[in-house]
Amino acid sequence: MNQIYLQKFLELQADFYHYMVTDGNLSQKASHDYVTRLKFLAKDYPLDENLTLEVIQNILEQEKEKIKLRTVYATSHAIGDFKSGLNKFLDFIKSDYKKKLADSLLSDIEDTKNDSKLNETEKEQVIQARVGQGKFRSRLIEYWGGCALTRIPMVSILVASHIKAWRDSTNAERLELYNGLLLLPNYDKLFDKGYIAFNPKNGKLLCSKFIDEHDKEALGLSENMSLIKLEEQHQKFLQYHIEHYFMA
């Protein structure tokens, strides 16, 4: 196994998954299956921004020989699945998906500034909420009192984030107290990427299958963990997160 190859793919897998769900209109299950297959390949091949059709063909030729020597992904059908997944990954690499994500902050702020339905005070509040600051953050600090998952009270390092992503929310939802969590940076990133979620009914932590037991231990994640409080108003936002972002 080539650890460098695998690490490079792992850096891209969440964005690749969400690209397939959003831009590719694939189901979460289909997207999950494609990522799983490519993660298997990434142990031996470089799946990164340098992928080409020629590289894909080379991988497939090698895999036709390797399937004779193993028990998993050991049929000719697997080669077809690998080919489909690699082509989707190449589409992702060639797309402007990552650029759209990188440009979204400036675009969102500009759209808010030009929104004639908002007065200047409202515009400022919405813009501040977009960057996790202002009244939105202050209300979350007052409500949660610390990390919503661990109770750690070091609010200066906690991240104010939206449960239903900014890009999918109305202006009212962007300022909604119950559409926000206050989390330690590592848990905020896991939540944002879809590696963790919370059960809408009881607030219990849900971990993606893409986080193995070693990573859970290293990250201090336990399925016994849950949000320190949960109200009915949170439920629709937590459910939306599961349906649209969580990599179950």
C-alpha atoms as a PDB file:
ATOM      1  CA  MET A   1       0.000   0.000   0.000  1.00  0.00           C
ATOM      2  CA  ASN A   2       1.248   3.487  -0.891  1.00  0.00           C
ATOM      3  CA  GLN A   3       0.321   5.716   2.052  1.00  0.00           C
ATOM      4  CA  ILE A   4       1.019   8.925   0.120  1.00  0.00           C
ATOM      5  CA  TYR A   5      -1.372   7.944  -2.669  1.00  0.00           C
ATOM      6  CA  LEU A   6      -4.067   7.093  -0.138  1.00  0.00           C
ATOM      7  CA  GLN A   7      -3.631  10.321   1.818  1.00  0.00           C
ATOM      8  CA  LYS A   8      -3.936  12.417  -1.336  1.00  0.00           C
ATOM      9  CA  PHE A   9      -7.191  10.704  -2.229  1.00  0.00           C
ATOM     10  CA  LEU A  10      -8.544  11.075   1.320  1.00  0.00           C
ATOM     11  CA  GLU A  11      -8.002  14.821   1.027  1.00  0.00           C
ATOM     12  CA  LEU A  12     -10.391  14.839  -1.935  1.00  0.00           C
ATOM     13  CA  GLN A  13     -12.912  12.137  -1.050  1.00  0.00           C
ATOM     14  CA  ALA A  14     -15.442  14.336   0.770  1.00  0.00           C
ATOM     15  CA  ASP A  15     -15.527  16.905  -2.030  1.00  0.00           C
ATOM     16  CA  PHE A  16     -15.763  14.087  -4.596  1.00  0.00           C
ATOM     17  CA  TYR A  17     -18.677  12.537  -2.709  1.00  0.00           C
ATOM     18  CA  HIS A  18     -20.582  15.832  -2.512  1.00  0.00           C
ATOM     19  CA  TYR A  19     -19.820  16.574  -6.173  1.00  0.00           C
ATOM     20  CA  MET A  20     -21.505  13.320  -7.179  1.00  0.00           C
ATOM     21  CA  VAL A  21     -24.553  14.031  -5.015  1.00  0.00           C
ATOM     22  CA  THR A  22     -24.989  17.649  -6.117  1.00  0.00           C
ATOM     23  CA  ASP A  23     -23.560  18.089  -9.607  1.00  0.00           C
ATOM     24  CA  GLY A  24     -23.821  14.424 -10.568  1.00  0.00           C
ATOM     25  CA  ASN A  25     -27.342  13.896  -9.187  1.00  0.00           C
ATOM     26  CA  LEU A  26     -26.373  10.485  -7.797  1.00  0.00           C
ATOM     27  CA  SER A  27     -27.918   8.937  -4.701  1.00  0.00           C
ATOM     28  CA  GLN A  28     -25.975   8.959  -1.453  1.00  0.00           C
ATOM     29  CA  LYS A  29     -25.629   5.173  -1.654  1.00  0.00           C
ATOM     30  CA  ALA A  30     -24.246   5.240  -5.200  1.00  0.00           C
ATOM     31  CA  SER A  31     -21.840   8.031  -4.250  1.00  0.00           C
ATOM     32  CA  HIS A  32     -20.744   6.098  -1.181  1.00  0.00           C
ATOM     33  CA  ASP A  33     -20.073   2.998  -3.304  1.00  0.00           C
ATOM     34  CA  TYR A  34     -17.972   4.931  -5.812  1.00  0.00           C
ATOM     35  CA  VAL A  35     -15.852   6.507  -3.077  1.00  0.00           C
ATOM     36  CA  THR A  36     -15.344   3.108  -1.435  1.00  0.00           C
ATOM     37  CA  ARG A  37     -14.121   1.565  -4.700  1.00  0.00           C
ATOM     38  CA  LEU A  38     -11.735   4.421  -5.420  1.00  0.00           C
ATOM     39  CA  LYS A  39     -10.423   4.364  -1.866  1.00  0.00           C
ATOM     40  CA  PHE A  40      -9.532   0.724  -2.505  1.00  0.00           C
ATOM     41  CA  LEU A  41      -7.684   1.691  -5.704  1.00  0.00           C
ATOM     42  CA  ALA A  42      -5.992   4.677  -4.054  1.00  0.00           C
ATOM     43  CA  LYS A  43      -3.908   2.312  -1.946  1.00  0.00           C
ATOM     44  CA  ASP A  44      -1.937   1.450  -5.096  1.00  0.00           C
ATOM     45  CA  TYR A  45      -2.504   4.252  -7.598  1.00  0.00           C
ATOM     46  CA  PRO A  46      -2.258   8.071  -7.556  1.00  0.00           C
ATOM     47  CA  LEU A  47      -5.833   9.375  -7.733  1.00  0.00           C
ATOM     48  CA  ASP A  48      -5.365  13.124  -7.685  1.00  0.00           C
ATOM     49  CA  GLU A  49      -5.468  16.241  -9.868  1.00  0.00           C
ATOM     50  CA  ASN A  50      -3.062  14.617 -12.341  1.00  0.00           C
ATOM     51  CA  LEU A  51      -5.452  11.827 -13.348  1.00  0.00           C
ATOM     52  CA  THR A  52      -5.919  11.391 -17.108  1.00  0.00           C
ATOM     53  CA  LEU A  53      -7.687   8.947 -19.426  1.00  0.00           C
ATOM     54  CA  GLU A  54      -4.331   7.346 -20.139  1.00  0.00           C
ATOM     55  CA  VAL A  55      -3.694   6.805 -16.429  1.00  0.00           C
ATOM     56  CA  ILE A  56      -7.188   5.339 -16.020  1.00  0.00           C
ATOM     57  CA  GLN A  57      -6.566   2.881 -18.846  1.00  0.00           C
ATOM     58  CA  ASN A  58      -3.275   1.864 -17.267  1.00  0.00           C
ATOM     59  CA  ILE A  59      -4.949   1.275 -13.895  1.00  0.00           C
ATOM     60  CA  LEU A  60      -7.659  -0.864 -15.464  1.00  0.00           C
ATOM     61  CA  GLU A  61      -5.134  -2.979 -17.341  1.00  0.00           C
ATOM     62  CA  GLN A  62      -3.250  -3.682 -14.138  1.00  0.00           C
ATOM     63  CA  GLU A  63      -6.454  -4.476 -12.270  1.00  0.00           C
ATOM     64  CA  LYS A  64      -7.470  -7.070 -14.871  1.00  0.00           C
ATOM     65  CA  GLU A  65      -4.422  -9.056 -13.759  1.00  0.00           C
ATOM     66  CA  LYS A  66      -4.731  -8.366 -10.029  1.00  0.00           C
ATOM     67  CA  ILE A  67      -8.326  -9.624  -9.752  1.00  0.00           C
ATOM     68  CA  LYS A  68      -6.988 -13.135 -10.424  1.00  0.00           C
ATOM     69  CA  LEU A  69      -4.965 -12.989  -7.219  1.00  0.00           C
ATOM     70  CA  ARG A  70      -7.452 -11.659  -4.640  1.00  0.00           C
ATOM     71  CA  THR A  71     -10.870 -12.354  -3.131  1.00  0.00           C
ATOM     72  CA  VAL A  72     -12.368  -8.834  -3.042  1.00  0.00           C
ATOM     73  CA  TYR A  73     -13.316  -6.950  -6.204  1.00  0.00           C
ATOM     74  CA  ALA A  74     -12.317 -10.151  -7.968  1.00  0.00           C
ATOM     75  CA  THR A  75     -14.752 -10.307 -10.892  1.00  0.00           C
ATOM     76  CA  SER A  76     -14.873  -8.739 -14.329  1.00  0.00           C
ATOM     77  CA  HIS A  77     -17.867  -6.746 -13.089  1.00  0.00           C
ATOM     78  CA  ALA A  78     -15.509  -5.010 -10.643  1.00  0.00           C
ATOM     79  CA  ILE A  79     -13.435  -3.707 -13.549  1.00  0.00           C
ATOM     80  CA  GLY A  80     -16.540  -2.047 -14.986  1.00  0.00           C
ATOM     81  CA  ASP A  81     -17.314  -0.495 -11.609  1.00  0.00           C
ATOM     82  CA  PHE A  82     -13.737   0.769 -11.285  1.00  0.00           C
ATOM     83  CA  LYS A  83     -13.891   2.280 -14.784  1.00  0.00           C
ATOM     84  CA  SER A  84     -17.148   4.083 -14.028  1.00  0.00           C
ATOM     85  CA  GLY A  85     -15.814   5.426 -10.741  1.00  0.00           C
ATOM     86  CA  LEU A  86     -12.521   6.569 -12.240  1.00  0.00           C
ATOM     87  CA  ASN A  87     -14.329   8.386 -15.037  1.00  0.00           C
ATOM     88  CA  LYS A  88     -16.550  10.155 -12.512  1.00  0.00           C
ATOM     89  CA  PHE A  89     -13.474  11.122 -10.517  1.00  0.00           C
ATOM     90  CA  LEU A  90     -11.878  12.504 -13.684  1.00  0.00           C
ATOM     91  CA  ASP A  91     -15.023  14.562 -14.329  1.00  0.00           C
ATOM     92  CA  PHE A  92     -14.735  15.879 -10.767  1.00  0.00           C
ATOM     93  CA  ILE A  93     -11.063  16.800 -11.241  1.00  0.00           C
ATOM     94  CA  LYS A  94     -11.861  18.632 -14.485  1.00  0.00           C
ATOM     95  CA  SER A  95     -14.897  20.428 -13.043  1.00  0.00           C
ATOM     96  CA  ASP A  96     -14.956  23.808 -11.355  1.00  0.00           C
ATOM     97  CA  TYR A  97     -16.537  22.303  -8.219  1.00  0.00           C
ATOM     98  CA  LYS A  98     -13.678  23.145  -5.871  1.00  0.00           C
ATOM     99  CA  LYS A  99     -13.335  26.606  -7.380  1.00  0.00           C
ATOM    100  CA  LYS A 100     -17.052  27.222  -6.828  1.00  0.00           C
ATOM    101  CA  LEU A 101     -16.608  26.312  -3.176  1.00  0.00           C
ATOM    102  CA  ALA A 102     -13.597  28.590  -2.857  1.00  0.00           C
ATOM    103  CA  ASP A 103     -15.414  31.482  -4.533  1.00  0.00           C
ATOM    104  CA  SER A 104     -18.687  31.001  -2.651  1.00  0.00           C
ATOM    105  CA  LEU A 105     -17.816  33.288   0.280  1.00  0.00           C
ATOM    106  CA  LEU A 106     -17.160  36.380  -1.839  1.00  0.00           C
ATOM    107  CA  SER A 107     -20.123  35.574  -4.074  1.00  0.00           C
ATOM    108  CA  ASP A 108     -22.478  35.159  -1.114  1.00  0.00           C
ATOM    109  CA  ILE A 109     -21.371  38.441   0.423  1.00  0.00           C
ATOM    110  CA  GLU A 110     -21.816  40.288  -2.867  1.00  0.00           C
ATOM    111  CA  ASP A 111     -25.287  38.772  -3.357  1.00  0.00           C
ATOM    112  CA  THR A 112     -26.277  39.865   0.131  1.00  0.00           C
ATOM    113  CA  LYS A 113     -25.056  43.410  -0.466  1.00  0.00           C
ATOM    114  CA  ASN A 114     -27.210  43.586  -3.606  1.00  0.00           C
ATOM    115  CA  ASP A 115     -30.331  42.076  -2.017  1.00  0.00           C
ATOM    116  CA  SER A 116     -32.973  44.814  -2.241  1.00  0.00           C
ATOM    117  CA  LYS A 117     -35.236  42.940   0.194  1.00  0.00           C
ATOM    118  CA  LEU A 118     -32.849  43.620   3.069  1.00  0.00           C
ATOM    119  CA  ASN A 119     -32.112  46.927   4.763  1.00  0.00           C
ATOM    120  CA  GLU A 120     -28.523  47.849   5.611  1.00  0.00           C
ATOM    121  CA  THR A 121     -28.710  46.499   9.170  1.00  0.00           C
ATOM    122  CA  GLU A 122     -30.093  43.180   7.976  1.00  0.00           C
ATOM    123  CA  LYS A 123     -27.436  42.932   5.281  1.00  0.00           C
ATOM    124  CA  GLU A 124     -24.699  43.427   7.865  1.00  0.00           C
ATOM    125  CA  GLN A 125     -26.186  40.758  10.130  1.00  0.00           C
ATOM    126  CA  VAL A 126     -26.431  38.237   7.300  1.00  0.00           C
ATOM    127  CA  ILE A 127     -22.866  38.930   6.116  1.00  0.00           C
ATOM    128  CA  GLN A 128     -21.542  38.554   9.652  1.00  0.00           C
ATOM    129  CA  ALA A 129     -23.387  35.245   9.991  1.00  0.00           C
ATOM    130  CA  ARG A 130     -21.805  34.017   6.743  1.00  0.00           C
ATOM    131  CA  VAL A 131     -18.346  34.265   8.267  1.00  0.00           C
ATOM    132  CA  GLY A 132     -19.468  32.886  11.631  1.00  0.00           C
ATOM    133  CA  GLN A 133     -19.332  36.215  13.433  1.00  0.00           C
ATOM    134  CA  GLY A 134     -21.590  38.979  14.687  1.00  0.00           C
ATOM    135  CA  LYS A 135     -24.974  38.498  16.280  1.00  0.00           C
ATOM    136  CA  PHE A 136     -25.315  34.928  14.988  1.00  0.00           C
ATOM    137  CA  ARG A 137     -22.154  33.832  16.796  1.00  0.00           C
ATOM    138  CA  SER A 138     -23.044  35.771  19.937  1.00  0.00           C
ATOM    139  CA  ARG A 139     -26.450  34.111  20.148  1.00  0.00           C
ATOM    140  CA  LEU A 140     -24.901  30.666  19.681  1.00  0.00           C
ATOM    141  CA  ILE A 141     -22.389  31.340  22.451  1.00  0.00           C
ATOM    142  CA  GLU A 142     -25.190  32.454  24.753  1.00  0.00           C
ATOM    143  CA  TYR A 143     -27.314  29.422  23.845  1.00  0.00           C
ATOM    144  CA  TRP A 144     -24.704  26.636  23.923  1.00  0.00           C
ATOM    145  CA  GLY A 145     -22.332  28.096  26.508  1.00  0.00           C
ATOM    146  CA  GLY A 146     -19.481  26.058  24.996  1.00  0.00           C
ATOM    147  CA  CYS A 147     -18.940  23.300  22.468  1.00  0.00           C
ATOM    148  CA  ALA A 148     -22.319  21.787  21.600  1.00  0.00           C
ATOM    149  CA  LEU A 149     -20.768  18.309  21.691  1.00  0.00           C
ATOM    150  CA  THR A 150     -18.116  18.375  24.436  1.00  0.00           C
ATOM    151  CA  ARG A 151     -19.190  21.317  26.652  1.00  0.00           C
ATOM    152  CA  ILE A 152     -15.653  22.733  26.431  1.00  0.00           C
ATOM    153  CA  PRO A 153     -16.191  26.420  27.342  1.00  0.00           C
ATOM    154  CA  MET A 154     -13.260  27.947  25.396  1.00  0.00           C
ATOM    155  CA  VAL A 155     -15.551  29.992  23.158  1.00  0.00           C
ATOM    156  CA  SER A 156     -12.646  31.916  21.635  1.00  0.00           C
ATOM    157  CA  ILE A 157     -11.611  28.810  19.662  1.00  0.00           C
ATOM    158  CA  LEU A 158     -15.099  27.471  18.897  1.00  0.00           C
ATOM    159  CA  VAL A 159     -16.585  27.740  15.399  1.00  0.00           C
ATOM    160  CA  ALA A 160     -20.109  29.029  14.800  1.00  0.00           C
ATOM    161  CA  SER A 161     -21.462  27.045  11.886  1.00  0.00           C
ATOM    162  CA  HIS A 162     -24.754  26.444  10.135  1.00  0.00           C
ATOM    163  CA  ILE A 163     -26.431  23.027  10.229  1.00  0.00           C
ATOM    164  CA  LYS A 164     -28.244  23.591   6.953  1.00  0.00           C
ATOM    165  CA  ALA A 165     -25.495  25.065   4.827  1.00  0.00           C
ATOM    166  CA  TRP A 166     -25.488  28.762   4.040  1.00  0.00           C
ATOM    167  CA  ARG A 167     -25.816  28.164   0.306  1.00  0.00           C
ATOM    168  CA  ASP A 168     -29.050  26.186   0.844  1.00  0.00           C
ATOM    169  CA  SER A 169     -30.633  28.457   3.461  1.00  0.00           C
ATOM    170  CA  THR A 170     -32.969  31.406   3.212  1.00  0.00           C
ATOM    171  CA  ASN A 171     -31.850  34.677   4.784  1.00  0.00           C
ATOM    172  CA  ALA A 172     -34.092  33.923   7.761  1.00  0.00           C
ATOM    173  CA  GLU A 173     -32.530  30.468   8.172  1.00  0.00           C
ATOM    174  CA  ARG A 174     -29.066  31.990   7.950  1.00  0.00           C
ATOM    175  CA  LEU A 175     -29.762  33.953  11.123  1.00  0.00           C
ATOM    176  CA  GLU A 176     -31.814  31.243  12.833  1.00  0.00           C
ATOM    177  CA  LEU A 177     -30.462  30.235  16.248  1.00  0.00           C
ATOM    178  CA  TYR A 178     -31.604  26.627  15.829  1.00  0.00           C
ATOM    179  CA  ASN A 179     -29.747  26.331  12.521  1.00  0.00           C
ATOM    180  CA  GLY A 180     -26.438  26.791  14.295  1.00  0.00           C
ATOM    181  CA  LEU A 181     -23.911  24.757  16.240  1.00  0.00           C
ATOM    182  CA  LEU A 182     -20.901  25.891  18.237  1.00  0.00           C
ATOM    183  CA  LEU A 183     -18.153  23.299  17.813  1.00  0.00           C
ATOM    184  CA  LEU A 184     -14.467  22.719  18.309  1.00  0.00           C
ATOM    185  CA  PRO A 185     -12.657  23.280  14.977  1.00  0.00           C
ATOM    186  CA  ASN A 186     -11.983  19.575  14.325  1.00  0.00           C
ATOM    187  CA  TYR A 187     -15.632  18.621  14.916  1.00  0.00           C
ATOM    188  CA  ASP A 188     -16.855  21.594  12.888  1.00  0.00           C
ATOM    189  CA  LYS A 189     -14.771  20.450   9.898  1.00  0.00           C
ATOM    190  CA  LEU A 190     -15.997  16.851  10.254  1.00  0.00           C
ATOM    191  CA  PHE A 191     -19.595  18.088  10.400  1.00  0.00           C
ATOM    192  CA  ASP A 192     -19.147  20.450   7.452  1.00  0.00           C
ATOM    193  CA  LYS A 193     -17.582  17.711   5.286  1.00  0.00           C
ATOM    194  CA  GLY A 194     -20.277  15.193   6.232  1.00  0.00           C
ATOM    195  CA  TYR A 195     -18.120  12.814   8.265  1.00  0.00           C
ATOM    196  CA  ILE A 196     -20.362  13.240  11.314  1.00  0.00           C
ATOM    197  CA  ALA A 197     -24.008  14.140  11.881  1.00  0.00           C
ATOM    198  CA  PHE A 198     -26.518  14.130  14.727  1.00  0.00           C
ATOM    199  CA  ASN A 199     -29.682  12.114  15.113  1.00  0.00           C
ATOM    200  CA  PRO A 200     -32.579  14.619  14.817  1.00  0.00           C
ATOM    201  CA  LYS A 201     -34.626  12.757  17.433  1.00  0.00           C
ATOM    202  CA  ASN A 202     -32.115  12.436  20.255  1.00  0.00           C
ATOM    203  CA  GLY A 203     -28.985  14.348  19.206  1.00  0.00           C
ATOM    204  CA  LYS A 204     -26.788  11.232  19.242  1.00  0.00           C
ATOM    205  CA  LEU A 205     -23.544  11.425  17.292  1.00  0.00           C
ATOM    206  CA  LEU A 206     -23.551   9.607  13.951  1.00  0.00           C
ATOM    207  CA  CYS A 207     -20.225   8.722  12.311  1.00  0.00           C
ATOM    208  CA  SER A 208     -19.700   8.102   8.619  1.00  0.00           C
ATOM    209  CA  LYS A 209     -18.425   4.702   7.520  1.00  0.00           C
ATOM    210  CA  PHE A 210     -15.494   6.621   6.061  1.00  0.00           C
ATOM    211  CA  ILE A 211     -14.164   7.165   9.594  1.00  0.00           C
ATOM    212  CA  ASP A 212     -12.523   3.961  10.808  1.00  0.00           C
ATOM    213  CA  GLU A 213     -12.160   2.924  14.441  1.00  0.00           C
ATOM    214  CA  HIS A 214      -8.585   4.182  14.664  1.00  0.00           C
ATOM    215  CA  ASP A 215      -9.612   7.631  13.414  1.00  0.00           C
ATOM    216  CA  LYS A 216     -12.567   7.730  15.816  1.00  0.00           C
ATOM    217  CA  GLU A 217     -10.257   7.043  18.726  1.00  0.00           C
ATOM    218  CA  ALA A 218      -7.714   9.611  17.558  1.00  0.00           C
ATOM    219  CA  LEU A 219     -10.461  12.230  17.142  1.00  0.00           C
ATOM    220  CA  GLY A 220     -12.056  11.446  20.478  1.00  0.00           C
ATOM    221  CA  LEU A 221     -15.312  10.349  18.861  1.00  0.00           C
ATOM    222  CA  SER A 222     -17.677   7.956  20.570  1.00  0.00           C
ATOM    223  CA  GLU A 223     -21.175   6.898  19.577  1.00  0.00           C
ATOM    224  CA  ASN A 224     -22.148   7.583  23.189  1.00  0.00           C
ATOM    225  CA  MET A 225     -21.617  11.290  22.531  1.00  0.00           C
ATOM    226  CA  SER A 226     -24.541  13.572  21.774  1.00  0.00           C
ATOM    227  CA  LEU A 227     -25.469  17.239  21.556  1.00  0.00           C
ATOM    228  CA  ILE A 228     -25.667  18.760  25.008  1.00  0.00           C
ATOM    229  CA  LYS A 229     -29.194  19.953  24.258  1.00  0.00           C
ATOM    230  CA  LEU A 230     -31.768  19.424  21.547  1.00  0.00           C
ATOM    231  CA  GLU A 231     -35.020  21.199  20.834  1.00  0.00           C
ATOM    232  CA  GLU A 232     -37.766  20.560  18.336  1.00  0.00           C
ATOM    233  CA  GLN A 233     -36.648  23.544  16.250  1.00  0.00           C
ATOM    234  CA  HIS A 234     -33.285  21.832  15.625  1.00  0.00           C
ATOM    235  CA  GLN A 235     -34.812  18.722  14.110  1.00  0.00           C
ATOM    236  CA  LYS A 236     -35.629  19.903  10.595  1.00  0.00           C
ATOM    237  CA  PHE A 237     -32.122  21.319  10.175  1.00  0.00           C
ATOM    238  CA  LEU A 238     -30.405  18.191  11.503  1.00  0.00           C
ATOM    239  CA  GLN A 239     -32.574  16.054   9.219  1.00  0.00           C
ATOM    240  CA  TYR A 240     -31.628  18.225   6.232  1.00  0.00           C
ATOM    241  CA  HIS A 241     -27.949  17.788   7.083  1.00  0.00           C
ATOM    242  CA  ILE A 242     -28.321  13.996   7.136  1.00  0.00           C
ATOM    243  CA  GLU A 243     -30.207  13.898   3.853  1.00  0.00           C
ATOM    244  CA  HIS A 244     -27.915  16.253   1.935  1.00  0.00           C
ATOM    245  CA  TYR A 245     -24.432  16.264   3.477  1.00  0.00           C
ATOM    246  CA  PHE A 246     -23.839  13.235   5.706  1.00  0.00           C
ATOM    247  CA  MET A 247     -21.681  10.532   4.135  1.00  0.00           C
ATOM    248  CA  ALA A 248     -23.494   7.657   5.824  1.00  0.00           C
END
